[in-house]
Protein backbone atom coordinates (compact mmCIF):
# COMPACT_ATOMS: atom_id res chain seq x y z
CA MET A 1 65.08 247.77 -95.03
CA GLU A 2 64.57 244.58 -93.08
CA ILE A 3 61.06 243.97 -91.75
CA LYS A 4 60.87 242.04 -88.50
CA GLU A 5 58.43 239.16 -88.20
CA GLU A 6 56.55 240.79 -85.31
CA GLU A 7 55.91 243.85 -87.46
CA ILE A 8 54.06 241.87 -90.11
CA ILE A 9 50.29 241.86 -89.76
CA LYS A 10 49.13 238.50 -91.05
CA GLU A 11 45.71 239.10 -92.47
CA SER A 12 43.72 237.46 -95.22
CA VAL A 13 44.44 238.53 -98.79
CA PRO A 14 42.05 237.65 -101.61
CA ILE A 15 43.80 235.65 -104.30
CA ASP A 16 40.87 235.01 -106.62
CA HIS A 17 39.51 237.36 -109.23
CA CYS A 18 36.40 239.24 -108.15
CA LYS A 19 33.79 240.82 -110.35
CA PRO A 20 34.58 244.53 -110.72
CA ILE A 21 32.26 246.94 -108.98
CA GLY A 22 31.29 250.05 -110.92
CA LYS A 23 31.75 253.52 -109.51
CA LYS A 24 28.01 254.17 -109.22
CA GLU A 25 27.41 250.88 -107.41
CA LEU A 26 30.35 251.46 -105.09
CA LEU A 27 29.04 254.91 -104.18
CA ASN A 28 25.61 253.39 -103.51
CA LEU A 29 27.13 250.74 -101.26
CA PHE A 30 29.19 253.31 -99.36
CA GLU A 31 26.11 255.47 -98.87
CA ILE A 32 24.29 252.57 -97.20
CA GLY A 33 27.39 251.85 -95.14
CA GLU A 34 27.83 255.43 -93.98
CA ASN A 35 24.17 255.52 -92.90
CA SER A 36 24.17 252.06 -91.27
CA LEU A 37 27.63 251.35 -89.81
CA VAL A 38 28.82 252.40 -86.36
CA LYS A 39 32.31 252.46 -84.90
CA ILE A 40 32.20 251.01 -81.39
CA TYR A 41 34.63 251.75 -78.58
CA SER A 42 34.50 249.64 -75.42
CA ASN A 43 37.22 249.10 -72.80
CA GLU A 44 39.95 250.33 -75.16
CA LYS A 45 38.67 247.96 -77.87
CA CYS A 46 37.47 249.15 -81.23
CA GLY A 47 35.05 247.29 -83.46
CA THR A 48 32.43 247.68 -86.15
CA GLY A 49 28.67 247.35 -85.83
CA PHE A 50 25.82 247.62 -88.29
CA ILE A 51 22.12 248.49 -88.24
CA CYS A 52 19.80 246.03 -89.94
CA LYS A 53 16.12 245.55 -90.67
CA ILE A 54 14.66 242.26 -89.46
CA LYS A 55 11.71 240.51 -91.08
CA ASP A 56 10.91 237.44 -89.03
CA LYS A 57 7.45 236.54 -87.77
CA ASP A 58 8.96 234.82 -84.72
CA LEU A 59 10.73 237.98 -83.55
CA ASN A 60 8.87 240.96 -82.12
CA PHE A 61 11.37 243.63 -83.12
CA SER A 62 12.12 245.20 -86.49
CA TYR A 63 15.57 246.80 -86.25
CA GLY A 64 18.77 245.94 -84.49
CA LEU A 65 22.46 246.65 -84.04
CA PHE A 66 24.82 243.70 -84.50
CA THR A 67 28.45 243.39 -83.44
CA ASN A 68 30.65 240.76 -81.78
CA ASN A 69 30.54 239.63 -78.17
CA HIS A 70 34.27 240.31 -77.92
CA VAL A 71 33.50 243.94 -78.87
CA LEU A 72 30.45 244.32 -76.57
CA GLY A 73 30.11 241.55 -74.00
CA GLU A 74 27.68 240.70 -71.22
CA GLU A 75 28.89 243.38 -68.82
CA GLU A 76 28.72 246.14 -71.44
CA ILE A 77 25.07 245.48 -72.34
CA GLU A 78 23.54 245.24 -68.89
CA GLU A 79 20.42 247.30 -68.19
CA GLY A 80 21.30 250.89 -67.39
CA GLU A 81 24.52 250.90 -69.40
CA LYS A 82 25.22 253.32 -72.24
CA ILE A 83 26.60 252.02 -75.52
CA SER A 84 28.95 254.65 -76.97
CA PHE A 85 29.87 254.72 -80.64
CA GLU A 86 30.64 256.94 -83.60
CA TYR A 87 28.01 257.42 -86.28
CA LYS A 88 28.79 259.63 -89.28
CA ASN A 89 31.92 260.83 -87.42
CA GLU A 90 29.84 262.04 -84.49
CA SER A 91 29.75 260.66 -80.95
CA ARG A 92 26.47 258.98 -80.07
CA TYR A 93 25.17 256.61 -77.42
CA ILE A 94 22.24 254.30 -76.75
CA LYS A 95 20.83 253.91 -73.24
CA LEU A 96 19.90 250.32 -72.39
CA ASN A 97 16.66 249.83 -70.46
CA ALA A 98 14.07 247.13 -69.86
CA ASP A 99 12.20 248.06 -73.05
CA ARG A 100 15.20 247.47 -75.29
CA LYS A 101 15.94 243.82 -76.08
CA THR A 102 19.53 242.61 -76.00
CA PHE A 103 21.06 239.21 -76.75
CA THR A 104 24.66 238.05 -76.67
CA ASP A 105 26.66 234.84 -76.83
CA LYS A 106 30.35 234.45 -76.13
CA ILE A 107 30.83 231.19 -78.04
CA ILE A 108 28.96 232.24 -81.18
CA ASP A 109 30.52 235.69 -80.66
CA TYR A 110 27.64 238.01 -81.41
CA THR A 111 25.80 240.79 -79.61
CA PHE A 112 22.42 242.17 -80.64
CA ILE A 113 20.82 245.39 -79.39
CA GLU A 114 17.32 246.37 -80.43
CA ILE A 115 17.14 249.68 -82.28
CA LYS A 116 14.14 251.99 -81.96
CA LYS A 117 12.93 254.52 -84.52
CA THR A 118 13.69 257.24 -81.98
CA ASP A 119 17.39 256.32 -82.21
CA ASN A 120 17.41 258.20 -85.52
CA PHE A 121 19.53 256.10 -87.82
CA ASP A 122 19.22 256.99 -91.49
CA ASP A 123 19.41 253.60 -93.16
CA TYR A 124 19.84 249.89 -92.57
CA PHE A 125 21.06 246.73 -94.20
CA LEU A 126 18.66 244.02 -95.30
CA ILE A 127 19.19 240.60 -93.75
CA ASP A 128 19.17 237.30 -95.60
CA ASP A 129 18.87 234.69 -92.84
CA ASN A 130 18.00 231.81 -95.13
CA ILE A 131 20.15 228.72 -95.16
CA ILE A 132 23.15 229.51 -97.34
CA ASP A 133 24.43 226.53 -99.28
CA ASP A 134 27.19 225.48 -101.67
CA ASN A 135 25.68 227.63 -104.41
CA TYR A 136 27.37 230.58 -102.68
CA ILE A 137 30.86 229.08 -102.93
CA ASP A 138 33.27 231.14 -105.03
CA LYS A 139 30.75 233.98 -105.14
CA ASP A 140 31.98 237.50 -104.41
CA ILE A 141 31.50 238.69 -100.84
CA ILE A 142 31.94 242.20 -99.46
CA ILE A 143 32.83 243.69 -96.09
CA LEU A 144 32.35 247.28 -94.95
CA GLN A 145 34.50 247.88 -91.88
CA PHE A 146 36.48 250.29 -89.69
CA PRO A 147 39.95 248.68 -89.79
CA LEU A 148 42.16 249.88 -86.91
CA GLY A 149 39.36 252.31 -86.05
CA ASN A 150 40.06 254.35 -89.18
CA GLU A 151 37.57 255.54 -91.79
CA ILE A 152 35.00 253.23 -93.36
CA SER A 153 36.72 250.78 -95.68
CA PHE A 154 35.50 248.53 -98.49
CA ALA A 155 36.99 245.06 -99.06
CA GLN A 156 36.00 242.33 -101.47
CA GLY A 157 36.93 238.67 -101.71
CA LYS A 158 35.65 235.17 -102.34
CA LEU A 159 33.39 232.96 -100.27
CA LYS A 160 35.26 229.66 -99.90
CA LYS A 161 33.22 227.32 -97.71
CA ILE A 162 29.82 227.05 -96.03
CA GLN A 163 29.23 225.31 -92.71
CA GLU A 164 26.22 225.31 -90.40
CA ASN A 165 27.95 227.62 -87.94
CA ASN A 166 30.65 229.22 -90.10
CA ILE A 167 31.15 231.12 -93.32
CA ILE A 168 34.73 230.88 -94.57
CA TYR A 169 36.08 233.50 -96.96
CA LYS A 170 39.17 235.48 -97.97
CA ILE A 171 39.03 239.24 -97.50
CA PRO A 172 41.56 241.79 -96.18
CA THR A 173 40.61 242.63 -92.58
CA GLU A 174 42.25 244.23 -89.57
CA HIS A 175 41.76 244.81 -85.86
CA GLY A 176 38.61 246.93 -85.72
CA SER A 177 36.91 244.88 -88.46
CA SER A 178 35.22 242.68 -85.86
CA GLY A 179 31.44 242.95 -86.08
CA SER A 180 31.35 243.89 -89.76
CA PRO A 181 28.55 242.74 -92.07
CA LEU A 182 29.24 240.08 -94.70
CA ILE A 183 27.44 241.33 -97.78
CA ILE A 184 26.25 239.61 -100.94
CA ARG A 185 25.16 241.64 -103.97
CA LYS A 186 21.92 240.39 -105.50
CA ASN A 187 21.70 243.26 -107.95
CA VAL A 188 23.05 246.77 -108.29
CA GLN A 189 20.77 248.24 -105.63
CA LYS A 190 20.17 245.26 -103.35
CA TYR A 191 22.76 244.19 -100.80
CA TYR A 192 21.99 241.49 -98.25
CA VAL A 193 23.87 240.68 -95.08
CA ILE A 194 24.38 236.92 -94.84
CA GLY A 195 26.81 236.82 -91.94
CA LEU A 196 28.72 238.53 -89.13
CA HIS A 197 32.52 238.74 -89.36
CA TYR A 198 34.21 237.65 -86.14
CA GLY A 199 37.80 236.65 -86.88
CA SER A 200 40.55 235.14 -88.97
CA ALA A 201 42.55 231.93 -88.92
CA LYS A 202 46.03 233.23 -89.69
CA LYS A 203 47.71 229.92 -90.45
CA GLU A 204 45.12 229.04 -93.08
CA ASN A 205 44.92 232.69 -94.25
CA ILE A 206 41.12 232.71 -94.09
CA ASN A 207 38.37 234.76 -92.47
CA LEU A 208 35.51 233.48 -90.33
CA GLY A 209 31.94 234.71 -90.01
CA ARG A 210 28.71 233.46 -88.45
CA PRO A 211 25.70 232.87 -90.73
CA MET A 212 22.80 235.16 -89.83
CA LYS A 213 20.45 232.18 -89.66
CA PHE A 214 22.70 230.55 -87.06
CA ILE A 215 22.61 233.75 -84.98
CA PHE A 216 18.85 234.24 -85.29
CA ASP A 217 18.24 230.62 -84.28
CA ASP A 218 20.24 231.29 -81.11
CA ILE A 219 18.26 234.48 -80.40
CA LYS A 220 14.99 232.56 -80.77
CA ASN A 221 16.24 229.85 -78.39
CA LYS A 222 17.21 232.47 -75.83
CA MET A 223 13.77 234.08 -76.14
CA LYS A 224 12.10 230.71 -75.50
CA ILE A 225 14.25 230.09 -72.43
CA LYS A 226 13.54 233.57 -71.09
CA LYS A 227 9.80 233.10 -71.66
CA LYS A 228 9.81 229.81 -69.73
CA LYS A 229 11.56 231.45 -66.79
CA THR A 230 8.94 234.18 -66.58
């Protein structure tokens, strides 16, 4: 059977050997993912989002939902809007009001929505927003995602390059993977999000993510600007 060029989905494929993940560790990782990931639908777009815990003395919030700006943009996160998503295969929503902080940036391609304890999420990812350096190159990196809006999916690959505003890696992804967490294993029970997946460069067969530090620096700058205006 002949496959036409337009039928081929050109996505990144890991070509390097990755450290095997044991069944117990994989189940542990999926448990965190099932309790922390959301499937977001907005204007006929589907993407992934994740709940995280934030420990930063310069930020006055403790939990948040991250996804991409091209999944949830400026118009979708205006005050009074409802953010609809699936969580544990159930339909949920968050109502945006003046008490809930939101930040977004089209160029960096992230959106952040503050999460309250009353939102009743069961778990969260830990964030590592330190400067990631060349010591991470060729280390294993993991994505939990909702490719094509299907069930939660695990993918593993290699981190290839570190830049101030980009993490470059090779992992199988699909439409719907946008907004997924980039995860590094520090030990069997500790997984840290170091970046936010936002796209792929098909010609180079690589994936692209934003370092969490880069995103948090932008949030802090936006907070300073907002404070000056008030």
